[in-house]
Amino acid sequence: MNQRVLVASNRGPVSFRFADDGSLSAQRGGGGMIAGVMSGLATLAPASEAIWICAALSDADREATRRDETGDGVRMLDIPPDTFDAAYNEVANSALWFVHHMLFNTPVQPPRFGAAFQRHWQAYVAYNEAFATALAEQAESGPARALIQDYHLALAPRMLRDRTGRTDRTDRTDRTGRTADLGIAHFSHTPWAPPAYYRMLPDQIGRAILDGILGADHAGFLAPRWAEAFLACCAELLGDAHVSSDGRVTYRGHVTQVAVHPLGVDAPSLRERATADDVTGHMTALSTATGGLRLIVRVDRTELSKNILGGLAAYRELLTGWPQWRGQVVHLAFAYPSRSGLPEYRAYTEQVRQAAADINAEFGTSDWTPLILEVKDDYARSLAACRIADVLLVNPIRDGMNLVAQEGPVLSDRGCALVLSREAGAAALLGDDALLVNPFDVSETAAALHHALTLPGAERQRRSAALAARAQDRSPARWLGEQLTALG
């Protein structure tokens, strides 16, 4: 079907850097959400037009916007830095992310939503208004489908609906009498908090976020439990909302269909990238550094919800409880720096470094380093590690989906066993053939690592193949196509 697709997200498909001579160089945007949407858009009919609206995240991005060098199909919004910082860091990442991942340490450091937060909230409103205005301007050019991404833009669907005069899904006329064939979807890439935890937000703000998403015709989630939690919040916090058993929410005279769309991986593209010279070079280097020993691999951001410290504690308990693995296994822990602007994340990264050093000091010998930790952005290295892993450890406290859990089996050369947190959205997709663990139970995770290392080769290959099949079955093209179909 030929159509105009408008994508809105905080981070876009391209970012810019200044060269030494002041010129701008572009590079592909990072992150699983970006990769998934880009892969899905690539499958649209040739005559379809895609326009991606995103924020300018750096001085180079802002300069590219001023020079009109962002490229065809990309519109970067030059949001004032103070507004962006308050919306992104103080509301989206310090409040909404923490609520949905249930990360607040309430006995020691409970959230304080005072006058300063109310000022930050006004910046979040302004940030969403900028996106809604840009989307509305694009929608004036003809029929379109707007795909609004994630918790950064929870208010934008309602704002867009208000700007285009849409009152319900069948209304195709805006305030000026023109045809406004605009379908609006919102997709949450995070978990959604259950009502008891979601209520930690100020009541007015909690309701505003629900109201914002319910401005969409279609609201998508990665796993059934996140959709169910959203529906429960609508039922409990919005007194005049009607939630039906088929996931339809009727609110303010409009119906929003809530649905689940798991996001897997573009297996052919991923495998092709993993055969590049930089990846094979890393494979050789890693194999040499680890001496051909068994490999437990994790690839994560230094994000609080990823539970890297819990994984390191489980690895230490593996070496303590099953000493036969000493000198026989190496843990490759590869982490990408994350949100270094927030003090909690800087402190967490240092705790990870210290825990890794403590394990090596306790168990290491002159000819065996039990753990190799690297905290840097190196995609080729991560692909190489997944290809040679015997065991892949993915143990988040909570995760909307987790693409690494799917990428690992797709890339595995030898068939890897997957130790997976039951709190990851991917558990609903991969649970039959992964070794599921409670991410808070260090002993259970250590036992699962031992089980994974002792699986017979044929059983490990069978499980890995089944995991890979499920991951590639839920391709980004299918994920995007289901949402566009739902919008008609």
Protein backbone atom coordinates (compact mmCIF):
# COMPACT_ATOMS: atom_id res chain seq x y z
CA MET A 1 0.00 0.00 0.00
CA ASN A 2 1.44 3.40 -1.03
CA GLN A 3 1.20 5.94 1.76
CA ARG A 4 3.02 8.70 3.60
CA VAL A 5 4.46 7.49 6.88
CA LEU A 6 5.45 10.04 9.50
CA VAL A 7 7.76 8.72 12.21
CA ALA A 8 8.40 10.77 15.34
CA SER A 9 11.05 9.87 17.92
CA ASN A 10 13.49 11.61 20.20
CA ARG A 11 16.53 10.14 18.43
CA GLY A 12 16.54 10.03 14.67
CA PRO A 13 18.01 7.84 11.93
CA VAL A 14 21.05 10.07 11.48
CA SER A 15 23.34 12.13 13.68
CA PHE A 16 26.10 14.59 12.83
CA ARG A 17 29.65 15.41 13.89
CA PHE A 18 31.91 18.33 13.15
CA ALA A 19 35.03 17.59 11.15
CA ASP A 20 38.26 19.47 11.87
CA ASP A 21 37.54 21.88 9.02
CA GLY A 22 34.05 22.70 10.35
CA SER A 23 32.20 20.58 7.83
CA LEU A 24 29.54 18.12 8.96
CA SER A 25 29.69 14.35 8.66
CA ALA A 26 26.65 12.15 9.08
CA GLN A 27 26.40 8.72 10.65
CA ARG A 28 23.55 6.32 11.16
CA GLY A 29 21.63 6.74 14.39
CA GLY A 30 22.06 4.04 17.03
CA GLY A 31 19.72 2.04 19.24
CA GLY A 32 17.41 -0.91 18.81
CA MET A 33 14.31 1.20 18.24
CA ILE A 34 15.99 3.19 15.46
CA ALA A 35 17.29 0.05 13.77
CA GLY A 36 13.89 -1.63 14.00
CA VAL A 37 11.96 1.28 12.52
CA MET A 38 14.52 1.86 9.77
CA SER A 39 14.46 -1.80 8.81
CA GLY A 40 10.67 -1.78 8.72
CA LEU A 41 10.49 1.39 6.65
CA ALA A 42 12.82 -0.15 4.09
CA THR A 43 10.11 -2.67 3.20
CA LEU A 44 7.46 -0.09 2.31
CA ALA A 45 6.18 0.08 -1.23
CA PRO A 46 8.52 2.06 -3.51
CA ALA A 47 6.01 4.86 -4.01
CA SER A 48 5.54 5.33 -0.26
CA GLU A 49 7.12 8.35 1.36
CA ALA A 50 8.62 8.27 4.84
CA ILE A 51 9.42 11.39 6.82
CA TRP A 52 11.23 11.07 10.15
CA ILE A 53 10.85 13.86 12.70
CA CYS A 54 13.39 13.85 15.54
CA ALA A 55 15.20 16.16 17.93
CA ALA A 56 18.57 17.74 17.21
CA LEU A 57 20.63 16.21 20.00
CA SER A 58 23.97 17.97 19.60
CA ASP A 59 25.47 21.22 18.41
CA ALA A 60 26.39 19.46 15.17
CA ASP A 61 22.79 18.30 14.72
CA ARG A 62 21.55 21.85 15.29
CA GLU A 63 24.03 23.21 12.78
CA ALA A 64 22.92 20.60 10.23
CA THR A 65 19.36 21.74 10.81
CA ARG A 66 20.31 25.40 10.30
CA ARG A 67 22.24 24.52 7.13
CA ASP A 68 19.37 22.32 5.93
CA GLU A 69 21.77 19.37 5.60
CA THR A 70 19.77 16.72 7.47
CA GLY A 71 18.95 14.90 4.23
CA ASP A 72 15.79 13.91 2.44
CA GLY A 73 13.10 12.47 4.64
CA VAL A 74 14.58 13.72 7.94
CA ARG A 75 13.39 16.78 9.83
CA MET A 76 15.33 17.67 12.98
CA LEU A 77 13.69 19.96 15.51
CA ASP A 78 16.00 22.55 17.03
CA ILE A 79 14.43 22.52 20.48
CA PRO A 80 16.04 25.00 22.93
CA PRO A 81 18.73 23.10 24.88
CA ASP A 82 17.27 24.02 28.29
CA THR A 83 13.85 22.78 27.23
CA PHE A 84 15.31 19.59 25.80
CA ASP A 85 17.41 18.89 28.89
CA ALA A 86 14.49 19.31 31.27
CA ALA A 87 12.12 17.25 29.14
CA TYR A 88 14.60 14.48 28.33
CA ASN A 89 16.68 14.15 31.49
CA GLU A 90 14.41 15.40 34.26
CA VAL A 91 11.05 14.01 33.12
CA ALA A 92 11.47 11.28 30.50
CA ASN A 93 14.59 9.60 31.91
CA SER A 94 14.49 10.53 35.60
CA ALA A 95 10.76 10.02 36.14
CA LEU A 96 8.93 8.12 33.39
CA TRP A 97 11.76 5.64 32.72
CA PHE A 98 12.17 5.03 36.47
CA VAL A 99 8.44 4.48 36.95
CA HIS A 100 8.00 2.06 34.07
CA HIS A 101 11.11 0.07 35.04
CA MET A 102 10.19 0.28 38.75
CA LEU A 103 13.67 1.60 39.60
CA PHE A 104 12.95 4.06 42.41
CA ASN A 105 14.68 3.20 45.69
CA THR A 106 11.65 4.39 47.64
CA PRO A 107 12.84 3.63 51.21
CA VAL A 108 16.12 5.54 50.76
CA GLN A 109 15.63 7.96 47.87
CA PRO A 110 11.93 8.31 47.08
CA PRO A 111 11.02 10.59 44.17
CA ARG A 112 10.17 14.17 45.10
CA PHE A 113 7.73 15.78 42.70
CA GLY A 114 7.85 19.40 43.81
CA ALA A 115 7.95 22.84 42.22
CA ALA A 116 11.13 22.07 40.26
CA PHE A 117 9.53 19.00 38.71
CA GLN A 118 6.47 21.02 37.72
CA ARG A 119 8.78 23.38 35.82
CA HIS A 120 10.45 20.43 34.15
CA TRP A 121 7.02 19.07 33.26
CA GLN A 122 6.19 22.29 31.40
CA ALA A 123 9.34 21.72 29.34
CA TYR A 124 8.16 18.17 28.60
CA VAL A 125 4.83 19.62 27.43
CA ALA A 126 6.66 22.12 25.19
CA TYR A 127 8.89 19.38 23.80
CA ASN A 128 5.84 17.29 22.86
CA GLU A 129 4.12 20.34 21.38
CA ALA A 130 7.08 20.91 19.06
CA PHE A 131 6.72 17.37 17.70
CA ALA A 132 2.94 17.59 17.42
CA THR A 133 3.20 20.86 15.48
CA ALA A 134 5.77 19.40 13.09
CA LEU A 135 3.63 16.30 12.53
CA ALA A 136 0.53 18.41 11.91
CA GLU A 137 2.40 20.47 9.31
CA GLN A 138 3.45 17.31 7.50
CA ALA A 139 -0.10 15.95 7.68
CA GLU A 140 -1.39 18.93 5.71
CA SER A 141 0.26 17.55 2.56
CA GLY A 142 -2.14 14.64 2.23
CA PRO A 143 -3.15 11.28 3.70
CA ALA A 144 -0.61 10.02 6.22
CA ARG A 145 0.01 7.60 9.06
CA ALA A 146 1.86 8.98 12.08
CA LEU A 147 3.92 6.52 14.12
CA ILE A 148 4.89 8.22 17.39
CA GLN A 149 7.57 6.44 19.38
CA ASP A 150 8.02 5.89 23.09
CA TYR A 151 7.74 7.55 26.48
CA HIS A 152 9.47 10.76 25.39
CA LEU A 153 6.42 11.58 23.27
CA ALA A 154 3.51 10.34 25.38
CA LEU A 155 1.58 13.61 25.01
CA ALA A 156 2.08 14.04 21.27
CA PRO A 157 -0.78 11.82 20.01
CA ARG A 158 -3.46 13.88 21.78
CA MET A 159 -1.77 17.14 20.75
CA LEU A 160 -1.63 16.00 17.13
CA ARG A 161 -5.27 14.99 17.19
CA ASP A 162 -6.23 18.39 18.57
CA ARG A 163 -4.17 20.23 15.96
CA THR A 164 -5.70 18.33 13.04
CA GLY A 165 -9.25 18.53 14.33
CA ARG A 166 -9.76 14.77 14.52
CA THR A 167 -12.48 13.77 16.97
CA ASP A 168 -12.76 10.06 16.31
CA ARG A 169 -11.29 7.48 13.99
CA THR A 170 -13.98 7.83 11.32
CA ASP A 171 -13.84 11.64 11.24
CA ARG A 172 -11.89 12.65 8.14
CA THR A 173 -12.54 16.41 8.19
CA ASP A 174 -10.43 18.99 9.99
CA ARG A 175 -11.56 22.36 11.34
CA THR A 176 -11.14 24.05 7.96
CA GLY A 177 -13.27 21.50 6.15
CA ARG A 178 -10.35 19.79 4.41
CA THR A 179 -10.00 16.04 4.30
CA ALA A 180 -7.69 14.93 7.10
CA ASP A 181 -6.94 11.29 6.41
CA LEU A 182 -4.56 10.87 9.29
CA GLY A 183 -4.08 7.73 11.33
CA ILE A 184 -2.19 8.10 14.61
CA ALA A 185 -0.31 5.33 16.41
CA HIS A 186 1.81 5.42 19.53
CA PHE A 187 4.27 2.67 20.42
CA SER A 188 5.83 2.08 23.85
CA HIS A 189 9.25 0.42 23.70
CA THR A 190 9.48 0.25 27.51
CA PRO A 191 7.54 -1.79 30.02
CA TRP A 192 4.44 -0.18 31.49
CA ALA A 193 4.13 0.08 35.24
CA PRO A 194 1.17 -1.54 37.04
CA PRO A 195 -1.31 0.93 38.57
CA ALA A 196 0.04 0.69 42.13
CA TYR A 197 3.50 1.80 40.96
CA TYR A 198 2.30 4.15 38.23
CA ARG A 199 0.41 6.10 40.90
CA MET A 200 3.76 7.35 42.21
CA LEU A 201 3.50 10.03 39.54
CA PRO A 202 1.51 13.11 40.50
CA ASP A 203 -2.13 12.35 39.73
CA GLN A 204 -2.53 15.12 37.17
CA ILE A 205 0.62 14.07 35.32
CA GLY A 206 -0.22 10.38 35.41
CA ARG A 207 -3.61 11.09 33.86
CA ALA A 208 -2.10 13.47 31.29
CA ILE A 209 0.23 10.75 30.01
CA LEU A 210 -2.62 8.26 29.67
CA ASP A 211 -4.77 10.91 27.98
CA GLY A 212 -1.92 11.74 25.61
CA ILE A 213 -1.50 8.16 24.41
CA LEU A 214 -5.25 7.72 24.12
CA GLY A 215 -5.21 10.47 21.52
CA ALA A 216 -3.88 7.78 19.17
CA ASP A 217 -6.04 5.43 17.15
CA HIS A 218 -3.70 2.57 17.98
CA ALA A 219 -1.43 2.07 21.01
CA GLY A 220 1.16 -0.67 20.72
CA PHE A 221 3.26 -2.55 23.27
CA LEU A 222 6.01 -5.15 23.03
CA ALA A 223 4.54 -7.77 25.37
CA PRO A 224 1.09 -8.71 26.70
CA ARG A 225 1.89 -7.79 30.31
CA TRP A 226 2.83 -4.22 29.36
CA ALA A 227 -0.41 -3.76 27.40
CA GLU A 228 -2.41 -5.23 30.28
CA ALA A 229 -0.74 -2.84 32.74
CA PHE A 230 -1.56 0.14 30.51
CA LEU A 231 -5.20 -0.91 30.27
CA ALA A 232 -5.35 -1.36 34.04
CA CYS A 233 -3.99 2.16 34.54
CA CYS A 234 -6.61 3.55 32.16
CA ALA A 235 -9.37 1.75 34.04
CA GLU A 236 -8.18 2.85 37.49
CA LEU A 237 -6.95 6.40 36.87
CA LEU A 238 -9.36 7.64 34.21
CA GLY A 239 -12.76 7.39 35.79
CA ASP A 240 -14.74 7.96 32.60
CA ALA A 241 -12.68 5.60 30.41
CA HIS A 242 -14.31 2.37 29.29
CA VAL A 243 -11.90 -0.53 28.80
CA SER A 244 -13.31 -3.48 26.87
CA SER A 245 -12.14 -7.07 27.02
CA ASP A 246 -10.70 -6.84 23.49
CA GLY A 247 -8.32 -4.03 24.41
CA ARG A 248 -10.35 -1.09 23.20
CA VAL A 249 -10.37 2.05 25.33
CA THR A 250 -13.19 4.53 24.81
CA TYR A 251 -12.30 7.90 26.26
CA ARG A 252 -13.35 11.47 25.45
CA GLY A 253 -15.49 10.26 22.57
CA HIS A 254 -12.64 8.42 20.89
CA VAL A 255 -11.69 4.74 20.67
CA THR A 256 -8.08 3.60 20.96
CA GLN A 257 -7.20 0.01 20.11
CA VAL A 258 -4.46 -1.37 22.34
CA ALA A 259 -2.45 -4.24 20.88
CA VAL A 260 0.79 -6.20 21.23
CA HIS A 261 3.45 -6.16 18.51
CA PRO A 262 6.67 -7.97 19.49
CA LEU A 263 9.76 -6.60 17.78
CA GLY A 264 12.32 -9.10 16.56
CA VAL A 265 15.38 -8.66 14.37
CA ASP A 266 16.21 -8.26 10.69
CA ALA A 267 18.15 -11.52 10.57
CA PRO A 268 19.56 -11.27 7.00
CA SER A 269 20.93 -7.76 7.53
CA LEU A 270 22.28 -8.64 10.96
CA ARG A 271 24.07 -11.73 9.71
CA GLU A 272 25.51 -9.85 6.75
CA ARG A 273 26.88 -7.11 9.02
CA ALA A 274 28.38 -9.75 11.31
CA THR A 275 30.57 -11.11 8.49
CA ALA A 276 32.36 -7.80 7.93
CA ASP A 277 36.11 -7.59 8.40
CA ASP A 278 35.93 -5.52 11.58
CA VAL A 279 33.73 -8.18 13.20
CA THR A 280 35.91 -11.11 12.17
CA GLY A 281 38.93 -9.17 13.40
CA HIS A 282 37.33 -8.82 16.82
CA MET A 283 36.47 -12.53 16.81
CA THR A 284 40.10 -13.43 16.28
CA ALA A 285 41.26 -11.04 18.99
CA LEU A 286 38.67 -12.26 21.50
CA SER A 287 39.44 -15.92 20.83
CA THR A 288 43.12 -15.22 21.38
CA ALA A 289 42.49 -13.24 24.55
CA THR A 290 40.28 -15.95 26.06
CA GLY A 291 42.46 -18.90 25.07
CA GLY A 292 39.68 -21.01 23.59
CA LEU A 293 37.84 -21.29 26.93
CA ARG A 294 34.06 -21.43 27.32
CA LEU A 295 32.49 -17.97 27.00
CA ILE A 296 29.64 -16.36 28.91
CA VAL A 297 28.75 -13.14 27.07
CA ARG A 298 26.62 -10.15 27.93
CA VAL A 299 26.10 -7.04 25.79
CA ASP A 300 24.27 -4.17 27.47
CA ARG A 301 24.16 -0.48 28.10
CA THR A 302 25.31 0.69 31.54
CA GLU A 303 21.65 1.22 32.29
CA LEU A 304 20.29 0.62 35.81
CA SER A 305 17.53 -1.65 34.57
CA LYS A 306 19.97 -3.99 32.79
CA ASN A 307 21.13 -5.45 36.12
CA ILE A 308 24.80 -5.80 35.21
CA LEU A 309 25.74 -5.85 38.89
CA GLY A 310 23.32 -8.73 39.47
CA GLY A 311 24.88 -10.64 36.59
CA LEU A 312 28.38 -10.12 37.96
CA ALA A 313 27.25 -11.33 41.37
CA ALA A 314 25.80 -14.46 39.73
CA TYR A 315 29.05 -15.10 37.87
CA ARG A 316 30.99 -14.78 41.12
CA GLU A 317 28.62 -17.29 42.74
CA LEU A 318 29.11 -19.64 39.79
CA LEU A 319 32.86 -19.63 40.40
CA THR A 320 32.31 -20.10 44.12
CA GLY A 321 29.63 -22.79 44.00
CA TRP A 322 31.00 -24.70 41.01
CA PRO A 323 34.78 -24.33 41.31
CA GLN A 324 35.31 -26.73 38.40
CA TRP A 325 34.66 -23.76 36.10
CA ARG A 326 37.68 -21.85 37.39
CA GLY A 327 40.18 -21.67 34.59
CA GLN A 328 37.61 -23.11 32.17
CA VAL A 329 35.33 -20.15 31.46
CA VAL A 330 35.64 -16.43 30.77
CA HIS A 331 32.88 -13.86 31.18
CA LEU A 332 32.91 -11.19 28.47
CA ALA A 333 30.91 -8.23 29.77
CA PHE A 334 30.61 -5.57 27.07
CA ALA A 335 28.76 -2.42 28.03
CA TYR A 336 27.85 0.76 26.20
CA PRO A 337 28.05 4.00 28.22
CA SER A 338 24.54 5.22 28.97
CA ARG A 339 23.15 8.54 30.25
CA SER A 340 26.40 9.79 31.68
CA GLY A 341 24.70 13.12 32.31
CA LEU A 342 22.80 11.59 35.24
CA PRO A 343 24.74 11.07 38.49
CA GLU A 344 22.99 7.77 39.21
CA TYR A 345 24.35 6.33 35.98
CA ARG A 346 27.90 7.56 36.53
CA ALA A 347 27.90 5.99 39.98
CA TYR A 348 26.46 2.75 38.63
CA THR A 349 29.14 2.48 35.96
CA GLU A 350 31.85 2.86 38.59
CA GLN A 351 30.19 0.16 40.71
CA VAL A 352 30.25 -2.16 37.70
CA ARG A 353 33.95 -1.49 37.15
CA GLN A 354 34.72 -2.15 40.80
CA ALA A 355 32.71 -5.39 40.92
CA ALA A 356 34.55 -6.67 37.84
CA ALA A 357 37.92 -5.78 39.36
CA ASP A 358 36.97 -7.55 42.60
CA ILE A 359 36.11 -10.78 40.75
CA ASN A 360 39.41 -10.76 38.88
CA ALA A 361 41.31 -10.04 42.09
CA GLU A 362 39.56 -12.87 43.93
CA PHE A 363 39.71 -15.60 41.31
CA GLY A 364 42.26 -14.57 38.69
CA THR A 365 45.56 -16.39 38.27
CA SER A 366 48.73 -15.75 36.34
CA ASP A 367 47.31 -17.56 33.30
CA TRP A 368 43.56 -16.96 33.67
CA THR A 369 41.53 -13.74 33.72
CA PRO A 370 37.99 -14.77 34.66
CA LEU A 371 36.26 -11.59 33.50
CA ILE A 372 36.87 -9.10 30.70
CA LEU A 373 34.85 -5.90 31.10
CA GLU A 374 34.86 -3.17 28.47
CA VAL A 375 32.76 -0.02 28.77
CA LYS A 376 32.78 1.59 25.35
CA ASP A 377 30.68 1.89 22.22
CA ASP A 378 31.86 -0.84 19.83
CA TYR A 379 29.13 -2.46 17.77
CA ALA A 380 31.48 -4.72 15.78
CA ARG A 381 32.97 -6.07 19.02
CA SER A 382 29.49 -6.86 20.33
CA LEU A 383 28.55 -8.74 17.17
CA ALA A 384 31.78 -10.72 17.39
CA ALA A 385 31.09 -11.68 21.00
CA CYS A 386 27.61 -12.91 20.12
CA ARG A 387 28.99 -15.07 17.31
CA ILE A 388 31.41 -16.92 19.60
CA ALA A 389 29.31 -17.08 22.80
CA ASP A 390 28.57 -20.40 24.48
CA VAL A 391 26.16 -18.72 26.89
CA LEU A 392 24.37 -15.39 26.53
CA LEU A 393 23.33 -13.73 29.79
CA VAL A 394 20.42 -11.27 29.62
CA ASN A 395 19.10 -10.56 33.11
CA PRO A 396 17.38 -7.15 33.24
CA ILE A 397 15.28 -6.10 36.20
CA ARG A 398 12.65 -5.04 33.67
CA ASP A 399 12.92 -4.56 29.93
CA GLY A 400 10.36 -3.66 27.30
CA MET A 401 11.67 -6.36 24.97
CA ASN A 402 15.46 -6.79 24.70
CA LEU A 403 16.89 -7.26 21.23
CA VAL A 404 20.23 -8.67 22.41
CA ALA A 405 18.40 -11.78 23.63
CA GLN A 406 17.23 -12.27 20.05
CA GLU A 407 20.34 -11.12 18.21
CA GLY A 408 22.59 -13.55 20.11
CA PRO A 409 20.92 -16.77 18.89
CA VAL A 410 20.54 -15.36 15.36
CA LEU A 411 24.28 -14.64 15.20
CA SER A 412 25.57 -17.66 17.10
CA ASP A 413 28.10 -19.78 15.22
CA ARG A 414 28.13 -22.62 17.71
CA GLY A 415 24.62 -22.47 19.17
CA CYS A 416 24.46 -20.44 22.37
CA ALA A 417 22.36 -21.11 25.43
CA LEU A 418 20.30 -18.14 26.58
CA VAL A 419 19.90 -17.31 30.28
CA LEU A 420 17.05 -14.80 30.24
CA SER A 421 15.27 -12.73 32.87
CA ARG A 422 11.59 -13.50 33.14
CA GLU A 423 11.10 -9.72 33.55
CA ALA A 424 12.17 -9.01 29.97
CA GLY A 425 9.44 -8.64 27.38
CA ALA A 426 11.39 -11.12 25.27
CA ALA A 427 10.53 -13.84 27.78
CA ALA A 428 7.03 -14.00 26.32
CA LEU A 429 8.56 -14.70 22.90
CA LEU A 430 11.58 -16.85 23.80
CA GLY A 431 10.65 -18.45 27.11
CA ASP A 432 10.13 -21.98 25.79
CA ASP A 433 13.78 -22.43 24.82
CA ALA A 434 15.60 -19.98 27.09
CA LEU A 435 16.61 -20.70 30.67
CA LEU A 436 14.36 -18.23 32.51
CA VAL A 437 15.49 -16.73 35.80
CA ASN A 438 14.26 -14.34 38.45
CA PRO A 439 16.72 -11.44 37.98
CA PHE A 440 16.73 -10.73 41.70
CA ASP A 441 17.71 -14.32 42.56
CA VAL A 442 21.49 -14.39 42.22
CA SER A 443 21.71 -18.05 43.22
CA GLU A 444 19.13 -19.11 40.66
CA THR A 445 20.98 -17.15 37.97
CA ALA A 446 24.29 -18.76 38.95
CA ALA A 447 22.67 -22.21 38.76
CA ALA A 448 21.23 -21.33 35.33
CA LEU A 449 24.70 -20.35 34.11
CA HIS A 450 26.02 -23.73 35.30
CA HIS A 451 23.10 -25.50 33.59
CA ALA A 452 23.75 -23.57 30.37
CA LEU A 453 27.45 -24.49 30.39
CA THR A 454 26.65 -28.17 30.88
CA LEU A 455 23.93 -28.48 28.22
CA PRO A 456 24.80 -31.16 25.63
CA GLY A 457 25.90 -29.67 22.35
CA ALA A 458 22.92 -31.00 20.41
CA GLU A 459 20.45 -29.60 22.94
CA ARG A 460 22.14 -26.23 22.92
CA GLN A 461 22.03 -26.15 19.12
CA ARG A 462 18.33 -27.08 19.12
CA ARG A 463 17.44 -24.37 21.60
CA SER A 464 19.51 -21.75 19.80
CA ALA A 465 17.92 -22.56 16.44
CA ALA A 466 14.42 -22.32 17.93
CA LEU A 467 15.24 -18.97 19.55
CA ALA A 468 16.62 -17.63 16.28
CA ALA A 469 13.52 -18.76 14.38
CA ARG A 470 11.21 -16.89 16.76
CA ALA A 471 13.36 -13.78 16.66
CA GLN A 472 13.41 -13.53 12.88
CA ASP A 473 9.73 -14.42 12.60
CA ARG A 474 8.92 -11.14 14.39
CA SER A 475 10.91 -9.06 11.92
CA PRO A 476 10.84 -5.25 11.98
CA ALA A 477 8.95 -5.33 8.68
CA ARG A 478 6.21 -7.41 10.28
CA TRP A 479 6.21 -5.19 13.39
CA LEU A 480 5.79 -2.02 11.33
CA GLY A 481 3.36 -3.59 8.89
CA GLU A 482 1.01 -4.71 11.65
CA GLN A 483 0.75 -1.16 12.96
CA LEU A 484 0.16 0.36 9.55
CA THR A 485 -2.50 -2.24 8.84
CA ALA A 486 -4.16 -1.46 12.15
CA LEU A 487 -4.38 2.19 11.06
CA GLY A 488 -6.15 1.15 7.87
